[in-house]
C-alpha atoms as a PDB file:
ATOM      1  CA  MET A   1       0.052  -0.207  -0.010  1.00  0.00           C
ATOM      2  CA  LEU A   2       1.267   3.401  -0.729  1.00  0.00           C
ATOM      3  CA  GLU A   3       1.972   5.870   2.466  1.00  0.00           C
ATOM      4  CA  TYR A   4       0.485   9.279   1.699  1.00  0.00           C
ATOM      5  CA  PRO A   5       1.252  12.655   3.792  1.00  0.00           C
ATOM      6  CA  THR A   6      -0.975  13.269   6.886  1.00  0.00           C
ATOM      7  CA  VAL A   7      -3.235  16.433   5.775  1.00  0.00           C
ATOM      8  CA  ALA A   8      -5.054  18.993   7.465  1.00  0.00           C
ATOM      9  CA  LEU A   9      -7.000  21.839   6.108  1.00  0.00           C
ATOM     10  CA  VAL A  10      -7.593  25.395   7.655  1.00  0.00           C
ATOM     11  CA  GLY A  11     -10.005  27.385   6.333  1.00  0.00           C
ATOM     12  CA  PRO A  12     -13.318  24.892   4.785  1.00  0.00           C
ATOM     13  CA  GLY A  13     -14.771  27.791   2.473  1.00  0.00           C
ATOM     14  CA  ALA A  14     -15.102  27.395  -1.204  1.00  0.00           C
ATOM     15  CA  ILE A  15     -11.435  26.622  -1.946  1.00  0.00           C
ATOM     16  CA  GLY A  16     -11.038  24.429   1.404  1.00  0.00           C
ATOM     17  CA  THR A  17     -14.168  22.559   0.554  1.00  0.00           C
ATOM     18  CA  THR A  18     -12.838  21.622  -2.744  1.00  0.00           C
ATOM     19  CA  ILE A  19      -9.501  20.435  -1.572  1.00  0.00           C
ATOM     20  CA  ALA A  20     -11.282  18.872   1.207  1.00  0.00           C
ATOM     21  CA  ALA A  21     -13.793  16.866  -1.526  1.00  0.00           C
ATOM     22  CA  ALA A  22     -11.073  15.841  -3.545  1.00  0.00           C
ATOM     23  CA  LEU A  23      -9.278  14.141  -0.968  1.00  0.00           C
ATOM     24  CA  HIS A  24     -12.034  12.726   0.611  1.00  0.00           C
ATOM     25  CA  GLU A  25     -13.275  10.904  -2.555  1.00  0.00           C
ATOM     26  CA  VAL A  26     -10.168   8.588  -2.558  1.00  0.00           C
ATOM     27  CA  GLY A  27      -9.926   8.033   1.093  1.00  0.00           C
ATOM     28  CA  ARG A  28      -7.874  10.527   2.244  1.00  0.00           C
ATOM     29  CA  THR A  29     -10.121  12.589   4.185  1.00  0.00           C
ATOM     30  CA  PRO A  30      -8.194  15.511   6.095  1.00  0.00           C
ATOM     31  CA  THR A  31      -8.248  17.080   9.587  1.00  0.00           C
ATOM     32  CA  ILE A  32     -10.502  20.247   8.808  1.00  0.00           C
ATOM     33  CA  CYS A  33     -10.139  23.012  11.343  1.00  0.00           C
ATOM     34  CA  GLY A  34     -11.948  26.161  11.042  1.00  0.00           C
ATOM     35  CA  ARG A  35     -13.949  28.900  13.241  1.00  0.00           C
ATOM     36  CA  THR A  36     -17.620  27.680  12.594  1.00  0.00           C
ATOM     37  CA  ALA A  37     -18.205  23.750  13.687  1.00  0.00           C
ATOM     38  CA  HIS A  38     -19.705  21.856  11.090  1.00  0.00           C
ATOM     39  CA  GLU A  39     -20.854  17.755  10.865  1.00  0.00           C
ATOM     40  CA  PHE A  40     -20.271  17.900   7.630  1.00  0.00           C
ATOM     41  CA  LEU A  41     -19.420  19.649   4.345  1.00  0.00           C
ATOM     42  CA  GLU A  42     -20.894  19.641   1.073  1.00  0.00           C
ATOM     43  CA  LEU A  43     -19.611  19.969  -2.433  1.00  0.00           C
ATOM     44  CA  VAL A  44     -21.761  19.869  -5.624  1.00  0.00           C
ATOM     45  CA  SER A  45     -20.228  20.196  -9.437  1.00  0.00           C
ATOM     46  CA  ASP A  46     -21.315  18.868 -12.653  1.00  0.00           C
ATOM     47  CA  GLY A  47     -19.779  15.692 -11.523  1.00  0.00           C
ATOM     48  CA  GLY A  48     -22.332  15.303  -8.883  1.00  0.00           C
ATOM     49  CA  ARG A  49     -22.432  16.104  -5.169  1.00  0.00           C
ATOM     50  CA  ILE A  50     -19.819  14.942  -2.653  1.00  0.00           C
ATOM     51  CA  VAL A  51     -20.320  15.005   1.092  1.00  0.00           C
ATOM     52  CA  VAL A  52     -17.121  15.052   3.264  1.00  0.00           C
ATOM     53  CA  PRO A  53     -17.703  14.016   6.998  1.00  0.00           C
ATOM     54  CA  GLY A  54     -16.514  16.242   9.886  1.00  0.00           C
ATOM     55  CA  PRO A  55     -16.405  17.624  12.488  1.00  0.00           C
ATOM     56  CA  VAL A  56     -14.907  20.665  11.650  1.00  0.00           C
ATOM     57  CA  LEU A  57     -12.482  21.309  14.423  1.00  0.00           C
ATOM     58  CA  THR A  58     -12.926  24.562  16.054  1.00  0.00           C
ATOM     59  CA  ASN A  59     -10.193  24.506  18.836  1.00  0.00           C
ATOM     60  CA  PRO A  60      -6.371  24.366  18.199  1.00  0.00           C
ATOM     61  CA  ALA A  61      -6.103  22.601  21.827  1.00  0.00           C
ATOM     62  CA  SER A  62      -7.873  19.428  20.730  1.00  0.00           C
ATOM     63  CA  ILE A  63      -4.974  18.530  18.070  1.00  0.00           C
ATOM     64  CA  THR A  64      -2.943  16.108  19.194  1.00  0.00           C
ATOM     65  CA  ASN A  65      -0.444  15.709  16.351  1.00  0.00           C
ATOM     66  CA  THR A  66       1.122  17.375  13.534  1.00  0.00           C
ATOM     67  CA  CYS A  67       0.601  16.790   9.937  1.00  0.00           C
ATOM     68  CA  ASP A  68       3.198  16.399   7.209  1.00  0.00           C
ATOM     69  CA  LEU A  69       0.874  18.803   4.883  1.00  0.00           C
ATOM     70  CA  VAL A  70      -1.088  21.693   6.144  1.00  0.00           C
ATOM     71  CA  PHE A  71      -3.107  23.445   3.312  1.00  0.00           C
ATOM     72  CA  VAL A  72      -4.279  27.245   4.379  1.00  0.00           C
ATOM     73  CA  ALA A  73      -7.707  28.095   2.439  1.00  0.00           C
ATOM     74  CA  VAL A  74      -8.471  31.098   4.744  1.00  0.00           C
ATOM     75  CA  LYS A  75      -8.203  34.937   3.325  1.00  0.00           C
ATOM     76  CA  THR A  76      -5.365  36.469   3.606  1.00  0.00           C
ATOM     77  CA  THR A  77      -6.909  39.119   5.992  1.00  0.00           C
ATOM     78  CA  GLN A  78      -7.238  36.098   8.446  1.00  0.00           C
ATOM     79  CA  THR A  79      -3.761  34.840   8.170  1.00  0.00           C
ATOM     80  CA  GLU A  80      -2.861  36.236  11.853  1.00  0.00           C
ATOM     81  CA  ALA A  81      -5.948  34.721  13.425  1.00  0.00           C
ATOM     82  CA  ILE A  82      -4.962  31.121  12.338  1.00  0.00           C
ATOM     83  CA  GLY A  83      -1.837  31.192  14.207  1.00  0.00           C
ATOM     84  CA  PRO A  84      -2.804  28.998  16.912  1.00  0.00           C
ATOM     85  CA  TRP A  85      -3.779  26.547  14.066  1.00  0.00           C
ATOM     86  CA  LEU A  86      -0.352  26.438  12.670  1.00  0.00           C
ATOM     87  CA  SER A  87       1.395  26.092  15.958  1.00  0.00           C
ATOM     88  CA  ALA A  88      -0.742  22.826  16.709  1.00  0.00           C
ATOM     89  CA  LEU A  89      -0.738  21.195  13.428  1.00  0.00           C
ATOM     90  CA  CYS A  90       2.933  22.256  12.251  1.00  0.00           C
ATOM     91  CA  GLY A  91       5.998  20.414  13.274  1.00  0.00           C
ATOM     92  CA  PRO A  92       9.458  21.183  11.590  1.00  0.00           C
ATOM     93  CA  ARG A  93       8.795  19.094   8.525  1.00  0.00           C
ATOM     94  CA  THR A  94       5.730  20.393   7.784  1.00  0.00           C
ATOM     95  CA  VAL A  95       4.705  21.954   4.628  1.00  0.00           C
ATOM     96  CA  ILE A  96       2.190  24.603   4.558  1.00  0.00           C
ATOM     97  CA  CYS A  97       0.656  24.870   1.189  1.00  0.00           C
ATOM     98  CA  ALA A  98      -1.048  28.634   0.898  1.00  0.00           C
ATOM     99  CA  LEU A  99      -4.088  28.332  -1.097  1.00  0.00           C
ATOM    100  CA  GLN A 100      -4.337  31.839  -1.026  1.00  0.00           C
ATOM    101  CA  ASN A 101      -4.691  35.015  -3.232  1.00  0.00           C
ATOM    102  CA  GLY A 102      -1.274  37.296  -4.010  1.00  0.00           C
ATOM    103  CA  ILE A 103       2.044  36.898  -4.734  1.00  0.00           C
ATOM    104  CA  GLU A 104       3.094  37.640  -1.016  1.00  0.00           C
ATOM    105  CA  GLN A 105       2.533  34.700   0.812  1.00  0.00           C
ATOM    106  CA  LYS A 106       6.413  33.688   1.969  1.00  0.00           C
ATOM    107  CA  THR A 107       6.377  37.240   3.883  1.00  0.00           C
ATOM    108  CA  LEU A 108       2.817  36.850   5.177  1.00  0.00           C
ATOM    109  CA  PHE A 109       3.340  33.618   6.775  1.00  0.00           C
ATOM    110  CA  ALA A 110       7.118  33.958   7.990  1.00  0.00           C
ATOM    111  CA  PRO A 111       5.867  34.996  11.334  1.00  0.00           C
ATOM    112  CA  TYR A 112       4.129  31.709  11.678  1.00  0.00           C
ATOM    113  CA  LEU A 113       6.598  28.834  10.056  1.00  0.00           C
ATOM    114  CA  SER A 114       8.702  28.006  13.070  1.00  0.00           C
ATOM    115  CA  GLY A 115      10.639  25.691  10.755  1.00  0.00           C
ATOM    116  CA  SER A 116       7.839  24.308   8.508  1.00  0.00           C
ATOM    117  CA  SER A 117       8.190  25.077   4.884  1.00  0.00           C
ATOM    118  CA  LEU A 118       5.789  27.487   2.980  1.00  0.00           C
ATOM    119  CA  LEU A 119       4.513  26.562  -0.615  1.00  0.00           C
ATOM    120  CA  PRO A 120       2.572  29.446  -2.256  1.00  0.00           C
ATOM    121  CA  SER A 121       0.342  27.871  -4.835  1.00  0.00           C
ATOM    122  CA  VAL A 122      -1.730  29.422  -8.007  1.00  0.00           C
ATOM    123  CA  VAL A 123      -5.352  28.330  -7.608  1.00  0.00           C
ATOM    124  CA  TRP A 124      -7.195  27.830 -10.908  1.00  0.00           C
ATOM    125  CA  PHE A 125     -10.791  26.921 -10.308  1.00  0.00           C
ATOM    126  CA  PRO A 126     -14.036  28.917  -9.618  1.00  0.00           C
ATOM    127  CA  ALA A 127     -15.638  27.545  -6.578  1.00  0.00           C
ATOM    128  CA  GLU A 128     -18.253  29.312  -4.734  1.00  0.00           C
ATOM    129  CA  ARG A 129     -19.544  28.854  -1.311  1.00  0.00           C
ATOM    130  CA  LYS A 130     -23.808  28.771  -1.782  1.00  0.00           C
ATOM    131  CA  ALA A 131     -24.650  28.276   1.944  1.00  0.00           C
ATOM    132  CA  ASP A 132     -22.702  27.992   5.445  1.00  0.00           C
ATOM    133  CA  ALA A 133     -21.276  24.494   4.427  1.00  0.00           C
ATOM    134  CA  LEU A 134     -22.433  23.850   0.851  1.00  0.00           C
ATOM    135  CA  VAL A 135     -20.000  24.890  -1.884  1.00  0.00           C
ATOM    136  CA  ARG A 136     -20.492  24.756  -5.796  1.00  0.00           C
ATOM    137  CA  LEU A 137     -17.542  24.058  -8.380  1.00  0.00           C
ATOM    138  CA  ARG A 138     -17.804  25.319 -11.598  1.00  0.00           C
ATOM    139  CA  GLY A 139     -15.343  23.849 -13.891  1.00  0.00           C
ATOM    140  CA  LYS A 140     -12.277  21.529 -13.126  1.00  0.00           C
ATOM    141  CA  ALA A 141     -10.052  21.925 -10.130  1.00  0.00           C
ATOM    142  CA  ARG A 142      -6.294  22.639 -10.775  1.00  0.00           C
ATOM    143  CA  LEU A 143      -3.540  24.024  -8.986  1.00  0.00           C
ATOM    144  CA  THR A 144      -0.114  25.404  -9.850  1.00  0.00           C
ATOM    145  CA  LEU A 145       3.025  24.811  -7.649  1.00  0.00           C
ATOM    146  CA  PRO A 146       6.482  26.319  -7.718  1.00  0.00           C
ATOM    147  CA  ASP A 147       9.326  23.862  -8.603  1.00  0.00           C
ATOM    148  CA  THR A 148      10.879  23.172  -5.077  1.00  0.00           C
ATOM    149  CA  PRO A 149      11.170  19.881  -3.037  1.00  0.00           C
ATOM    150  CA  ALA A 150       8.021  20.909  -0.898  1.00  0.00           C
ATOM    151  CA  ALA A 151       5.911  20.492  -3.933  1.00  0.00           C
ATOM    152  CA  ASN A 152       6.269  16.865  -3.830  1.00  0.00           C
ATOM    153  CA  VAL A 153       4.330  16.728  -0.605  1.00  0.00           C
ATOM    154  CA  VAL A 154       1.163  18.225  -2.407  1.00  0.00           C
ATOM    155  CA  LEU A 155       1.663  15.820  -5.393  1.00  0.00           C
ATOM    156  CA  SER A 156       1.779  12.844  -3.243  1.00  0.00           C
ATOM    157  CA  ALA A 157      -1.054  13.863  -1.440  1.00  0.00           C
ATOM    158  CA  LEU A 158      -3.575  14.821  -4.381  1.00  0.00           C
ATOM    159  CA  SER A 159      -2.158  11.855  -6.590  1.00  0.00           C
ATOM    160  CA  GLY A 160      -5.321  10.129  -8.133  1.00  0.00           C
ATOM    161  CA  THR A 161      -7.795  12.680  -7.287  1.00  0.00           C
ATOM    162  CA  TRP A 162      -9.332  14.848  -9.689  1.00  0.00           C
ATOM    163  CA  CYS A 163      -7.787  17.787  -8.275  1.00  0.00           C
ATOM    164  CA  SER A 164      -4.657  18.125 -11.118  1.00  0.00           C
ATOM    165  CA  VAL A 165      -1.491  19.759  -9.689  1.00  0.00           C
ATOM    166  CA  GLU A 166       1.418  21.175 -11.949  1.00  0.00           C
ATOM    167  CA  VAL A 167       4.690  22.106 -10.945  1.00  0.00           C
ATOM    168  CA  ALA A 168       6.252  25.043 -13.073  1.00  0.00           C
ATOM    169  CA  GLY A 169       9.656  26.696 -13.402  1.00  0.00           C
ATOM    170  CA  ASN A 170       8.014  29.896 -14.056  1.00  0.00           C
ATOM    171  CA  PHE A 171       6.045  30.033 -11.104  1.00  0.00           C
ATOM    172  CA  THR A 172       6.487  34.065 -10.295  1.00  0.00           C
ATOM    173  CA  SER A 173       5.153  34.827 -14.029  1.00  0.00           C
ATOM    174  CA  ILE A 174       2.250  32.325 -13.539  1.00  0.00           C
ATOM    175  CA  ALA A 175       1.336  33.962 -10.002  1.00  0.00           C
ATOM    176  CA  TRP A 176       1.636  37.180 -11.651  1.00  0.00           C
ATOM    177  CA  GLN A 177      -0.826  36.200 -14.182  1.00  0.00           C
ATOM    178  CA  LYS A 178      -3.329  35.189 -11.881  1.00  0.00           C
ATOM    179  CA  LEU A 179      -2.863  37.979  -9.741  1.00  0.00           C
ATOM    180  CA  LEU A 180      -3.853  40.168 -12.690  1.00  0.00           C
ATOM    181  CA  GLN A 181      -7.286  38.415 -13.233  1.00  0.00           C
ATOM    182  CA  ASN A 182      -7.872  38.880  -9.480  1.00  0.00           C
ATOM    183  CA  ALA A 183      -6.686  42.719  -9.725  1.00  0.00           C
ATOM    184  CA  VAL A 184      -9.405  43.122 -12.559  1.00  0.00           C
ATOM    185  CA  ALA A 185     -11.951  41.124 -10.610  1.00  0.00           C
ATOM    186  CA  GLY A 186     -11.713  44.041  -7.993  1.00  0.00           C
ATOM    187  CA  LEU A 187     -13.822  46.045 -10.494  1.00  0.00           C
ATOM    188  CA  MET A 188     -16.935  43.585  -9.922  1.00  0.00           C
ATOM    189  CA  VAL A 189     -16.864  45.046  -5.920  1.00  0.00           C
ATOM    190  CA  LEU A 190     -17.153  48.752  -7.159  1.00  0.00           C
ATOM    191  CA  THR A 191     -20.239  47.981  -9.606  1.00  0.00           C
ATOM    192  CA  GLY A 192     -21.891  45.306  -7.140  1.00  0.00           C
ATOM    193  CA  ARG A 193     -22.161  43.103 -10.487  1.00  0.00           C
ATOM    194  CA  ARG A 194     -20.774  39.690 -11.657  1.00  0.00           C
ATOM    195  CA  ALA A 195     -19.054  38.820 -14.611  1.00  0.00           C
ATOM    196  CA  GLY A 196     -21.690  39.765 -16.959  1.00  0.00           C
ATOM    197  CA  MET A 197     -20.578  43.578 -16.801  1.00  0.00           C
ATOM    198  CA  PHE A 198     -17.388  42.329 -18.750  1.00  0.00           C
ATOM    199  CA  SER A 199     -19.813  42.290 -21.804  1.00  0.00           C
ATOM    200  CA  ARG A 200     -19.938  46.007 -21.895  1.00  0.00           C
ATOM    201  CA  ALA A 201     -17.549  48.158 -23.856  1.00  0.00           C
ATOM    202  CA  ASP A 202     -16.896  50.894 -21.423  1.00  0.00           C
ATOM    203  CA  ILE A 203     -15.993  48.152 -18.889  1.00  0.00           C
ATOM    204  CA  ASN A 204     -14.099  46.204 -21.440  1.00  0.00           C
ATOM    205  CA  SER A 205     -11.827  49.266 -22.128  1.00  0.00           C
ATOM    206  CA  LEU A 206     -11.533  50.252 -18.636  1.00  0.00           C
ATOM    207  CA  SER A 207     -10.452  46.715 -17.646  1.00  0.00           C
ATOM    208  CA  LEU A 208      -7.818  46.752 -20.250  1.00  0.00           C
ATOM    209  CA  ALA A 209      -6.193  49.604 -19.437  1.00  0.00           C
ATOM    210  CA  TYR A 210      -5.928  48.747 -15.620  1.00  0.00           C
ATOM    211  CA  LEU A 211      -4.739  45.437 -16.839  1.00  0.00           C
ATOM    212  CA  TRP A 212      -1.967  47.401 -18.921  1.00  0.00           C
ATOM    213  CA  GLU A 213      -0.999  49.254 -15.958  1.00  0.00           C
ATOM    214  CA  CYS A 214      -0.774  45.828 -13.787  1.00  0.00           C
ATOM    215  CA  LEU A 215       1.462  44.359 -16.176  1.00  0.00           C
ATOM    216  CA  GLU A 216       4.030  47.048 -16.184  1.00  0.00           C
ATOM    217  CA  VAL A 217       4.118  46.359 -12.791  1.00  0.00           C
ATOM    218  CA  ALA A 218       4.326  42.642 -12.900  1.00  0.00           C
ATOM    219  CA  ARG A 219       7.529  43.217 -15.271  1.00  0.00           C
ATOM    220  CA  ALA A 220       9.066  45.284 -13.262  1.00  0.00           C
ATOM    221  CA  GLU A 221       8.800  42.662 -10.657  1.00  0.00           C
ATOM    222  CA  GLY A 222      10.600  40.026 -13.043  1.00  0.00           C
ATOM    223  CA  ALA A 223       7.151  38.492 -14.364  1.00  0.00           C
ATOM    224  CA  ILE A 224       7.426  37.174 -18.119  1.00  0.00           C
ATOM    225  CA  LEU A 225       4.435  37.959 -19.754  1.00  0.00           C
ATOM    226  CA  GLY A 226       3.401  38.867 -23.036  1.00  0.00           C
ATOM    227  CA  ASP A 227       1.541  41.573 -24.614  1.00  0.00           C
ATOM    228  CA  GLU A 228      -1.441  38.984 -25.336  1.00  0.00           C
ATOM    229  CA  VAL A 229      -2.238  38.864 -21.316  1.00  0.00           C
ATOM    230  CA  PRO A 230      -4.676  41.771 -20.924  1.00  0.00           C
ATOM    231  CA  GLN A 231      -6.982  40.824 -23.680  1.00  0.00           C
ATOM    232  CA  GLN A 232      -6.729  37.089 -22.629  1.00  0.00           C
ATOM    233  CA  ILE A 233      -8.014  38.034 -19.211  1.00  0.00           C
ATOM    234  CA  VAL A 234     -10.857  40.305 -20.403  1.00  0.00           C
ATOM    235  CA  GLU A 235     -12.006  37.862 -22.785  1.00  0.00           C
ATOM    236  CA  LYS A 236     -11.967  35.149 -20.183  1.00  0.00           C
ATOM    237  CA  PHE A 237     -14.398  37.196 -18.115  1.00  0.00           C
ATOM    238  CA  ARG A 238     -16.453  37.912 -21.260  1.00  0.00           C
ATOM    239  CA  HIS A 239     -16.678  34.585 -22.014  1.00  0.00           C
ATOM    240  CA  SER A 240     -17.657  33.455 -18.435  1.00  0.00           C
ATOM    241  CA  PRO A 241     -21.535  32.716 -16.905  1.00  0.00           C
ATOM    242  CA  ALA A 242     -22.800  36.011 -16.348  1.00  0.00           C
ATOM    243  CA  ASP A 243     -23.546  34.887 -13.036  1.00  0.00           C
ATOM    244  CA  LEU A 244     -20.322  33.838 -12.050  1.00  0.00           C
ATOM    245  CA  GLY A 245     -18.717  35.919  -9.057  1.00  0.00           C
ATOM    246  CA  THR A 246     -15.513  36.346  -7.253  1.00  0.00           C
ATOM    247  CA  SER A 247     -14.873  35.615  -3.545  1.00  0.00           C
ATOM    248  CA  ILE A 248     -14.180  39.271  -2.823  1.00  0.00           C
ATOM    249  CA  LEU A 249     -17.244  40.409  -4.299  1.00  0.00           C
ATOM    250  CA  ALA A 250     -18.863  38.181  -2.088  1.00  0.00           C
ATOM    251  CA  ASP A 251     -17.178  39.671   0.826  1.00  0.00           C
ATOM    252  CA  ARG A 252     -18.519  42.883  -0.153  1.00  0.00           C
ATOM    253  CA  GLN A 253     -22.127  41.750  -0.477  1.00  0.00           C
ATOM    254  CA  ALA A 254     -21.982  39.932   2.824  1.00  0.00           C
ATOM    255  CA  GLY A 255     -20.081  43.519   4.535  1.00  0.00           C
ATOM    256  CA  ARG A 256     -16.945  41.337   5.234  1.00  0.00           C
ATOM    257  CA  THR A 257     -13.599  43.075   5.267  1.00  0.00           C
ATOM    258  CA  LEU A 258     -11.949  42.738   1.736  1.00  0.00           C
ATOM    259  CA  GLU A 259      -8.764  41.468   0.334  1.00  0.00           C
ATOM    260  CA  TRP A 260      -7.985  44.750  -1.470  1.00  0.00           C
ATOM    261  CA  ASP A 261      -4.309  44.810  -0.440  1.00  0.00           C
ATOM    262  CA  CYS A 262      -3.152  41.566  -1.552  1.00  0.00           C
ATOM    263  CA  ARG A 263      -5.157  41.648  -4.793  1.00  0.00           C
ATOM    264  CA  ASN A 264      -5.130  45.493  -5.769  1.00  0.00           C
ATOM    265  CA  GLY A 265      -3.130  47.376  -3.533  1.00  0.00           C
ATOM    266  CA  VAL A 266       0.133  45.401  -4.126  1.00  0.00           C
ATOM    267  CA  ILE A 267      -0.008  47.097  -7.493  1.00  0.00           C
ATOM    268  CA  GLN A 268      -0.015  50.388  -6.361  1.00  0.00           C
ATOM    269  CA  ARG A 269       2.810  49.531  -3.528  1.00  0.00           C
ATOM    270  CA  LEU A 270       5.096  47.571  -6.239  1.00  0.00           C
ATOM    271  CA  GLY A 271       4.495  50.462  -8.921  1.00  0.00           C
ATOM    272  CA  ARG A 272       5.594  52.954  -6.461  1.00  0.00           C
ATOM    273  CA  LEU A 273       8.668  51.158  -5.622  1.00  0.00           C
ATOM    274  CA  HIS A 274       9.612  50.586  -8.937  1.00  0.00           C
ATOM    275  CA  GLY A 275       8.699  54.077 -10.657  1.00  0.00           C
ATOM    276  CA  VAL A 276       5.905  52.682 -12.346  1.00  0.00           C
ATOM    277  CA  PRO A 277       2.951  55.146 -12.466  1.00  0.00           C
ATOM    278  CA  THR A 278      -0.360  53.617 -11.439  1.00  0.00           C
ATOM    279  CA  PRO A 279      -3.107  56.015 -12.016  1.00  0.00           C
ATOM    280  CA  ILE A 280      -5.822  53.692 -12.460  1.00  0.00           C
ATOM    281  CA  SER A 281      -4.767  51.788  -9.006  1.00  0.00           C
ATOM    282  CA  ASP A 282      -4.636  54.988  -7.618  1.00  0.00           C
ATOM    283  CA  LEU A 283      -8.417  55.824  -8.242  1.00  0.00           C
ATOM    284  CA  ILE A 284      -9.274  51.850  -7.372  1.00  0.00           C
ATOM    285  CA  VAL A 285      -7.418  51.016  -4.020  1.00  0.00           C
ATOM    286  CA  PRO A 286      -8.923  53.787  -1.820  1.00  0.00           C
ATOM    287  CA  LEU A 287     -12.816  52.875  -3.291  1.00  0.00           C
ATOM    288  CA  LEU A 288     -11.913  49.243  -2.376  1.00  0.00           C
ATOM    289  CA  VAL A 289     -10.046  50.333   1.213  1.00  0.00           C
ATOM    290  CA  ALA A 290     -13.455  52.411   1.829  1.00  0.00           C
ATOM    291  CA  ALA A 291     -15.707  49.606   0.940  1.00  0.00           C
ATOM    292  CA  SER A 292     -13.771  47.619   3.231  1.00  0.00           C
ATOM    293  CA  GLU A 293     -12.955  49.543   5.987  1.00  0.00           C
ATOM    294  CA  GLY A 294     -15.400  52.424   5.855  1.00  0.00           C
ATOM    295  CA  PRO A 295     -16.187  54.618   7.638  1.00  0.00           C
ATOM    296  CA  GLY A 296     -19.913  55.348   6.415  1.00  0.00           C
END
């Protein structure tokens, strides 16, 4: 029999539930940790329905053993709050795989590693939470990881599942391409609309202008991305289901704190660092911050 890594999952939201369901279906149900107790998690997709048995643990003190691999699927704004979970679940050989938006996971997790390895990732699947413990997956699940030894632990854990994993030597460029996609999705927060809004010519033009701004910052940071990338991203949104949302829009509609910094603020910050003008970011970021933090 093959020996697979022991796995825990922190943050059973849309992304976390998808990973938990993929593991459960092949008999490798992870230890699931979160803020809210649930007896089970449920994932629905075109492939059917998967129920992942719980319980969802809510007290880090209940953890008695460390794990080989810990998937972290909380928002970047919640990273500090899961410090006690990381302390309980991680040993010196644990790999922490951050299933998070942005390009700054290593910096974000540095205070909580205690010898563990941090593995950033790019998540490529659209999953939406429809109810408290119900998630809808629209499309195939896929992760991209950097080409490091730590990636082998994730490859082993997810081998034989319907969540595909690819290892990329050009991970920095791929991570930036996903960041550009997330950045332009911030416009959905400011309009309160879903992907259908990208069929408008004016939104199309604004999106392209913003993406070109983001692309210049990405290239200043060393990303190798072609001139075709902005148009490709806009086309992807235009051809998505009109009712397709995004996590930052869901947070805005629920009145939760927004991930504005890791998705949009980072463009502005790094643009200033490299002397790249970011006039559209200078407009968008304050509006996102106000939507997230008020007052008013």
